[in-house]
PDB file of all heavy atoms in Angstrom:
ATOM      1  N   PHE A   1     102.233 100.745  95.497  1.00  0.00           N
ATOM      2  CA  PHE A   1     102.240 101.511  96.736  1.00  0.00           C
ATOM      3  C   PHE A   1     103.576 101.319  97.438  1.00  0.00           C
ATOM      4  O   PHE A   1     103.955 100.187  97.748  1.00  0.00           O
ATOM      5  CB  PHE A   1     101.140 101.022  97.682  1.00  0.00           C
ATOM      6  CG  PHE A   1      99.738 101.211  97.184  1.00  0.00           C
ATOM      7  CD1 PHE A   1      99.116 100.230  96.425  1.00  0.00           C
ATOM      8  CD2 PHE A   1      99.025 102.365  97.483  1.00  0.00           C
ATOM      9  CE1 PHE A   1      97.818 100.394  95.979  1.00  0.00           C
ATOM     10  CE2 PHE A   1      97.725 102.540  97.036  1.00  0.00           C
ATOM     11  CZ  PHE A   1      97.116 101.556  96.285  1.00  0.00           C
ATOM     12  N   PHE A   2     104.291 102.409  97.684  1.00  0.00           N
ATOM     13  CA  PHE A   2     105.492 102.315  98.504  1.00  0.00           C
ATOM     14  C   PHE A   2     105.481 103.460  99.510  1.00  0.00           C
ATOM     15  O   PHE A   2     104.888 104.510  99.268  1.00  0.00           O
ATOM     16  CB  PHE A   2     106.770 102.293  97.662  1.00  0.00           C
ATOM     17  CG  PHE A   2     107.064 103.536  96.863  1.00  0.00           C
ATOM     18  CD1 PHE A   2     108.122 104.371  97.197  1.00  0.00           C
ATOM     19  CD2 PHE A   2     106.315 103.854  95.729  1.00  0.00           C
ATOM     20  CE1 PHE A   2     108.416 105.498  96.441  1.00  0.00           C
ATOM     21  CE2 PHE A   2     106.612 104.986  94.962  1.00  0.00           C
ATOM     22  CZ  PHE A   2     107.661 105.808  95.328  1.00  0.00           C
ATOM     23  N   GLY A   3     106.099 103.217 100.653  1.00  0.00           N
ATOM     24  CA  GLY A   3     105.958 104.156 101.736  1.00  0.00           C
ATOM     25  C   GLY A   3     107.275 104.666 102.286  1.00  0.00           C
ATOM     26  O   GLY A   3     108.323 104.032 102.139  1.00  0.00           O
ATOM     27  N   GLU A   4     107.199 105.820 102.935  1.00  0.00           N
ATOM     28  CA  GLU A   4     108.315 106.345 103.721  1.00  0.00           C
ATOM     29  C   GLU A   4     108.155 105.831 105.138  1.00  0.00           C
ATOM     30  O   GLU A   4     107.184 106.159 105.823  1.00  0.00           O
ATOM     31  CB  GLU A   4     108.301 107.869 103.710  1.00  0.00           C
ATOM     32  CG  GLU A   4     109.401 108.475 104.561  1.00  0.00           C
ATOM     33  CD  GLU A   4     109.065 109.848 105.109  1.00  0.00           C
ATOM     34  OE1 GLU A   4     107.886 110.108 105.410  1.00  0.00           O
ATOM     35  OE2 GLU A   4     110.002 110.654 105.259  1.00  0.00           O
ATOM     36  N   LEU A   5     109.099 105.009 105.563  1.00  0.00           N
ATOM     37  CA  LEU A   5     109.019 104.410 106.889  1.00  0.00           C
ATOM     38  C   LEU A   5     110.421 104.396 107.484  1.00  0.00           C
ATOM     39  O   LEU A   5     111.257 103.565 107.124  1.00  0.00           O
ATOM     40  CB  LEU A   5     108.454 102.987 106.796  1.00  0.00           C
ATOM     41  CG  LEU A   5     107.768 102.412 108.039  1.00  0.00           C
ATOM     42  CD1 LEU A   5     107.093 101.087 107.714  1.00  0.00           C
ATOM     43  CD2 LEU A   5     108.718 102.228 109.202  1.00  0.00           C
ATOM     44  N   VAL A   6     110.688 105.333 108.379  1.00  0.00           N
ATOM     45  CA  VAL A   6     111.998 105.428 109.017  1.00  0.00           C
ATOM     46  C   VAL A   6     111.913 104.700 110.352  1.00  0.00           C
ATOM     47  O   VAL A   6     111.280 105.178 111.296  1.00  0.00           O
ATOM     48  CB  VAL A   6     112.423 106.893 109.241  1.00  0.00           C
ATOM     49  CG1 VAL A   6     113.835 106.953 109.815  1.00  0.00           C
ATOM     50  CG2 VAL A   6     112.334 107.673 107.944  1.00  0.00           C
ATOM     51  N   GLY A   7     112.522 103.522 110.419  1.00  0.00           N
ATOM     52  CA  GLY A   7     112.458 102.730 111.638  1.00  0.00           C
ATOM     53  C   GLY A   7     113.134 101.397 111.435  1.00  0.00           C
ATOM     54  O   GLY A   7     113.701 101.125 110.378  1.00  0.00           O
ATOM     55  N   PRO A   8     113.091 100.533 112.449  1.00  0.00           N
ATOM     56  CA  PRO A   8     113.731  99.215 112.337  1.00  0.00           C
ATOM     57  C   PRO A   8     113.061  98.356 111.273  1.00  0.00           C
ATOM     58  O   PRO A   8     111.866  98.493 111.000  1.00  0.00           O
ATOM     59  CB  PRO A   8     113.541  98.621 113.733  1.00  0.00           C
ATOM     60  CG  PRO A   8     112.366  99.337 114.304  1.00  0.00           C
ATOM     61  CD  PRO A   8     112.421 100.715 113.743  1.00  0.00           C
ATOM     62  N   GLU A   9     113.859  97.451 110.691  1.00  0.00           N
ATOM     63  CA  GLU A   9     113.347  96.676 109.559  1.00  0.00           C
ATOM     64  C   GLU A   9     112.173  95.778 109.932  1.00  0.00           C
ATOM     65  O   GLU A   9     111.296  95.535 109.110  1.00  0.00           O
ATOM     66  CB  GLU A   9     114.468  95.840 108.939  1.00  0.00           C
ATOM     67  CG  GLU A   9     113.998  95.093 107.717  1.00  0.00           C
ATOM     68  CD  GLU A   9     115.115  94.762 106.761  1.00  0.00           C
ATOM     69  OE1 GLU A   9     116.273  95.068 107.067  1.00  0.00           O
ATOM     70  OE2 GLU A   9     114.825  94.194 105.707  1.00  0.00           O
ATOM     71  N   ASN A  10     112.134  95.290 111.161  1.00  0.00           N
ATOM     72  CA  ASN A  10     110.998  94.428 111.519  1.00  0.00           C
ATOM     73  C   ASN A  10     109.677  95.195 111.488  1.00  0.00           C
ATOM     74  O   ASN A  10     108.607  94.600 111.375  1.00  0.00           O
ATOM     75  CB  ASN A  10     111.215  93.764 112.879  1.00  0.00           C
ATOM     76  CG  ASN A  10     111.438  94.764 113.997  1.00  0.00           C
ATOM     77  OD1 ASN A  10     111.315  95.966 113.805  1.00  0.00           O
ATOM     78  ND2 ASN A  10     111.762  94.256 115.179  1.00  0.00           N
ATOM     79  N   LEU A  11     109.735  96.520 111.565  1.00  0.00           N
ATOM     80  CA  LEU A  11     108.520  97.327 111.461  1.00  0.00           C
ATOM     81  C   LEU A  11     107.942  97.268 110.052  1.00  0.00           C
ATOM     82  O   LEU A  11     106.719  97.385 109.871  1.00  0.00           O
ATOM     83  CB  LEU A  11     108.835  98.771 111.854  1.00  0.00           C
ATOM     84  CG  LEU A  11     107.656  99.737 112.013  1.00  0.00           C
ATOM     85  CD1 LEU A  11     106.726  99.274 113.123  1.00  0.00           C
ATOM     86  CD2 LEU A  11     108.168 101.149 112.315  1.00  0.00           C
ATOM     87  N   TYR A  12     108.805  97.075 109.049  1.00  0.00           N
ATOM     88  CA  TYR A  12     108.332  97.005 107.667  1.00  0.00           C
ATOM     89  C   TYR A  12     107.320  95.871 107.481  1.00  0.00           C
ATOM     90  O   TYR A  12     106.373  95.989 106.702  1.00  0.00           O
ATOM     91  CB  TYR A  12     109.499  96.774 106.699  1.00  0.00           C
ATOM     92  CG  TYR A  12     110.542  97.857 106.653  1.00  0.00           C
ATOM     93  CD1 TYR A  12     111.684  97.712 105.876  1.00  0.00           C
ATOM     94  CD2 TYR A  12     110.416  99.034 107.392  1.00  0.00           C
ATOM     95  CE1 TYR A  12     112.656  98.700 105.818  1.00  0.00           C
ATOM     96  CE2 TYR A  12     111.385 100.018 107.344  1.00  0.00           C
ATOM     97  CZ  TYR A  12     112.505  99.850 106.557  1.00  0.00           C
ATOM     98  OH  TYR A  12     113.466 100.822 106.503  1.00  0.00           O
ATOM     99  N   ASN A  13     107.549  94.770 108.204  1.00  0.00           N
ATOM    100  CA  ASN A  13     106.701  93.596 108.026  1.00  0.00           C
ATOM    101  C   ASN A  13     105.237  93.886 108.348  1.00  0.00           C
ATOM    102  O   ASN A  13     104.338  93.200 107.852  1.00  0.00           O
ATOM    103  CB  ASN A  13     107.187  92.449 108.909  1.00  0.00           C
ATOM    104  CG  ASN A  13     108.621  92.061 108.618  1.00  0.00           C
ATOM    105  OD1 ASN A  13     109.167  92.384 107.571  1.00  0.00           O
ATOM    106  ND2 ASN A  13     109.250  91.368 109.547  1.00  0.00           N
ATOM    107  N   ASN A  14     104.990  94.879 109.205  1.00  0.00           N
ATOM    108  CA  ASN A  14     103.621  95.193 109.604  1.00  0.00           C
ATOM    109  C   ASN A  14     102.857  95.961 108.533  1.00  0.00           C
ATOM    110  O   ASN A  14     101.633  96.068 108.602  1.00  0.00           O
ATOM    111  CB  ASN A  14     103.627  96.025 110.890  1.00  0.00           C
ATOM    112  CG  ASN A  14     104.217  95.274 112.062  1.00  0.00           C
ATOM    113  OD1 ASN A  14     104.261  94.056 112.070  1.00  0.00           O
ATOM    114  ND2 ASN A  14     104.679  96.010 113.049  1.00  0.00           N
ATOM    115  N   TYR A  15     103.583  96.506 107.560  1.00  0.00           N
ATOM    116  CA  TYR A  15     102.936  97.363 106.568  1.00  0.00           C
ATOM    117  C   TYR A  15     102.967  96.783 105.153  1.00  0.00           C
ATOM    118  O   TYR A  15     102.167  97.188 104.318  1.00  0.00           O
ATOM    119  CB  TYR A  15     103.628  98.732 106.542  1.00  0.00           C
ATOM    120  CG  TYR A  15     103.392  99.560 107.779  1.00  0.00           C
ATOM    121  CD1 TYR A  15     104.271  99.499 108.859  1.00  0.00           C
ATOM    122  CD2 TYR A  15     102.295 100.408 107.880  1.00  0.00           C
ATOM    123  CE1 TYR A  15     104.063 100.270 110.003  1.00  0.00           C
ATOM    124  CE2 TYR A  15     102.080 101.186 109.012  1.00  0.00           C
ATOM    125  CZ  TYR A  15     102.964 101.107 110.067  1.00  0.00           C
ATOM    126  OH  TYR A  15     102.757 101.863 111.195  1.00  0.00           O
ATOM    127  N   ILE A  16     103.894  95.877 104.870  1.00  0.00           N
ATOM    128  CA  ILE A  16     104.054  95.353 103.515  1.00  0.00           C
ATOM    129  C   ILE A  16     103.345  94.015 103.387  1.00  0.00           C
ATOM    130  O   ILE A  16     103.463  93.143 104.250  1.00  0.00           O
ATOM    131  CB  ILE A  16     105.543  95.177 103.162  1.00  0.00           C
ATOM    132  CG1 ILE A  16     106.279  96.508 103.254  1.00  0.00           C
ATOM    133  CG2 ILE A  16     105.704  94.602 101.761  1.00  0.00           C
ATOM    134  CD1 ILE A  16     107.779  96.393 103.032  1.00  0.00           C
ATOM    135  N   GLY A  17     102.629  93.838 102.273  1.00  0.00           N
ATOM    136  CA  GLY A  17     102.082  92.533 101.951  1.00  0.00           C
ATOM    137  C   GLY A  17     100.792  92.196 102.662  1.00  0.00           C
ATOM    138  O   GLY A  17     100.150  93.031 103.299  1.00  0.00           O
ATOM    139  N   PRO A  18     100.383  90.922 102.608  1.00  0.00           N
ATOM    140  CA  PRO A  18      99.057  90.509 103.093  1.00  0.00           C
ATOM    141  C   PRO A  18      98.999  90.201 104.579  1.00  0.00           C
ATOM    142  O   PRO A  18      97.924  89.927 105.083  1.00  0.00           O
ATOM    143  CB  PRO A  18      98.798  89.247 102.274  1.00  0.00           C
ATOM    144  CG  PRO A  18     100.157  88.666 102.055  1.00  0.00           C
ATOM    145  CD  PRO A  18     101.075  89.850 101.895  1.00  0.00           C
ATOM    146  N   LYS A  19     100.100  90.234 105.293  1.00  0.00           N
ATOM    147  CA  LYS A  19     100.093  89.815 106.696  1.00  0.00           C
ATOM    148  C   LYS A  19      99.952  90.997 107.643  1.00  0.00           C
ATOM    149  O   LYS A  19     100.544  91.023 108.715  1.00  0.00           O
ATOM    150  CB  LYS A  19     101.362  89.030 107.004  1.00  0.00           C
ATOM    151  CG  LYS A  19     101.449  87.730 106.208  1.00  0.00           C
ATOM    152  CD  LYS A  19     102.691  86.936 106.553  1.00  0.00           C
ATOM    153  CE  LYS A  19     102.740  85.648 105.746  1.00  0.00           C
ATOM    154  NZ  LYS A  19     103.951  84.855 106.047  1.00  0.00           N
ATOM    155  N   THR A  20      99.206  91.992 107.212  1.00  0.00           N
ATOM    156  CA  THR A  20      98.980  93.152 108.057  1.00  0.00           C
ATOM    157  C   THR A  20      97.853  92.860 109.038  1.00  0.00           C
ATOM    158  O   THR A  20      96.950  92.082 108.752  1.00  0.00           O
ATOM    159  CB  THR A  20      98.634  94.379 107.204  1.00  0.00           C
ATOM    160  OG1 THR A  20      97.631  94.002 106.266  1.00  0.00           O
ATOM    161  CG2 THR A  20      99.848  94.883 106.469  1.00  0.00           C
ATOM    162  N   PRO A  21      97.851  93.473 110.229  1.00  0.00           N
ATOM    163  CA  PRO A  21      96.829  93.180 111.242  1.00  0.00           C
ATOM    164  C   PRO A  21      95.443  93.587 110.769  1.00  0.00           C
ATOM    165  O   PRO A  21      95.277  94.480 109.943  1.00  0.00           O
ATOM    166  CB  PRO A  21      97.272  94.038 112.435  1.00  0.00           C
ATOM    167  CG  PRO A  21      98.681  94.405 112.171  1.00  0.00           C
ATOM    168  CD  PRO A  21      98.836  94.436 110.690  1.00  0.00           C
ATOM    169  N   VAL A  22      94.446  92.958 111.320  1.00  0.00           N
ATOM    170  CA  VAL A  22      93.060  93.320 111.038  1.00  0.00           C
ATOM    171  C   VAL A  22      92.387  93.719 112.330  1.00  0.00           C
ATOM    172  O   VAL A  22      92.772  93.283 113.417  1.00  0.00           O
ATOM    173  CB  VAL A  22      92.287  92.153 110.380  1.00  0.00           C
ATOM    174  CG1 VAL A  22      92.848  91.868 109.007  1.00  0.00           C
ATOM    175  CG2 VAL A  22      92.331  90.901 111.235  1.00  0.00           C
ATOM    176  N   ALA A  23      91.387  94.574 112.222  1.00  0.00           N
ATOM    177  CA  ALA A  23      90.688  95.068 113.403  1.00  0.00           C
ATOM    178  C   ALA A  23      89.728  94.012 113.946  1.00  0.00           C
ATOM    179  O   ALA A  23      89.353  93.055 113.257  1.00  0.00           O
ATOM    180  CB  ALA A  23      89.931  96.346 113.043  1.00  0.00           C
ATOM    181  N   VAL A  24      89.327  94.195 115.174  1.00  0.00           N
ATOM    182  CA  VAL A  24      88.350  93.300 115.795  1.00  0.00           C
ATOM    183  C   VAL A  24      87.058  93.328 114.986  1.00  0.00           C
ATOM    184  O   VAL A  24      86.594  94.382 114.543  1.00  0.00           O
ATOM    185  CB  VAL A  24      88.087  93.739 117.247  1.00  0.00           C
ATOM    186  CG1 VAL A  24      87.012  92.873 117.873  1.00  0.00           C
ATOM    187  CG2 VAL A  24      89.370  93.668 118.059  1.00  0.00           C
ATOM    188  N   ASN A  25      86.481  92.152 114.760  1.00  0.00           N
ATOM    189  CA  ASN A  25      85.230  91.990 114.013  1.00  0.00           C
ATOM    190  C   ASN A  25      85.363  92.343 112.529  1.00  0.00           C
ATOM    191  O   ASN A  25      84.355  92.504 111.842  1.00  0.00           O
ATOM    192  CB  ASN A  25      84.101  92.834 114.637  1.00  0.00           C
ATOM    193  CG  ASN A  25      83.808  92.429 116.067  1.00  0.00           C
ATOM    194  OD1 ASN A  25      83.849  91.233 116.391  1.00  0.00           O
ATOM    195  ND2 ASN A  25      83.525  93.392 116.919  1.00  0.00           N
ATOM    196  N   ASP A  26      86.573  92.488 112.049  1.00  0.00           N
ATOM    197  CA  ASP A  26      86.810  92.752 110.628  1.00  0.00           C
ATOM    198  C   ASP A  26      87.493  91.526 110.042  1.00  0.00           C
ATOM    199  O   ASP A  26      88.639  91.238 110.345  1.00  0.00           O
ATOM    200  CB  ASP A  26      87.685  93.984 110.452  1.00  0.00           C
ATOM    201  CG  ASP A  26      87.818  94.406 108.981  1.00  0.00           C
ATOM    202  OD1 ASP A  26      87.490  93.584 108.106  1.00  0.00           O
ATOM    203  OD2 ASP A  26      88.235  95.543 108.739  1.00  0.00           O
ATOM    204  N   LYS A  27      86.791  90.793 109.200  1.00  0.00           N
ATOM    205  CA  LYS A  27      87.296  89.518 108.673  1.00  0.00           C
ATOM    206  C   LYS A  27      87.995  89.674 107.324  1.00  0.00           C
ATOM    207  O   LYS A  27      88.406  88.688 106.723  1.00  0.00           O
ATOM    208  CB  LYS A  27      86.137  88.522 108.533  1.00  0.00           C
ATOM    209  CG  LYS A  27      85.366  88.269 109.824  1.00  0.00           C
ATOM    210  CD  LYS A  27      86.266  87.743 110.931  1.00  0.00           C
ATOM    211  CE  LYS A  27      85.470  87.465 112.202  1.00  0.00           C
ATOM    212  NZ  LYS A  27      86.343  87.024 113.319  1.00  0.00           N
ATOM    213  N   THR A  28      88.136  90.892 106.852  1.00  0.00           N
ATOM    214  CA  THR A  28      88.768  91.125 105.556  1.00  0.00           C
ATOM    215  C   THR A  28      90.268  90.875 105.628  1.00  0.00           C
ATOM    216  O   THR A  28      90.920  91.224 106.607  1.00  0.00           O
ATOM    217  CB  THR A  28      88.526  92.571 105.096  1.00  0.00           C
ATOM    218  OG1 THR A  28      87.128  92.823 105.091  1.00  0.00           O
ATOM    219  CG2 THR A  28      89.098  92.807 103.712  1.00  0.00           C
ATOM    220  N   ILE A  29      90.804  90.261 104.585  1.00  0.00           N
ATOM    221  CA  ILE A  29      92.255  90.158 104.456  1.00  0.00           C
ATOM    222  C   ILE A  29      92.714  91.339 103.604  1.00  0.00           C
ATOM    223  O   ILE A  29      92.380  91.452 102.434  1.00  0.00           O
ATOM    224  CB  ILE A  29      92.677  88.840 103.788  1.00  0.00           C
ATOM    225  CG1 ILE A  29      92.268  87.650 104.655  1.00  0.00           C
ATOM    226  CG2 ILE A  29      94.186  88.818 103.545  1.00  0.00           C
ATOM    227  CD1 ILE A  29      92.551  86.309 104.024  1.00  0.00           C
TER     228      ILE A  29
END
């Protein structure tokens, strides 16, 4: 999976890999 993401590099961290945010009451990684 690779994405088109035009923005600052720190924004990439939110979408790549296992450290993406999880929703409230959602315990899935």
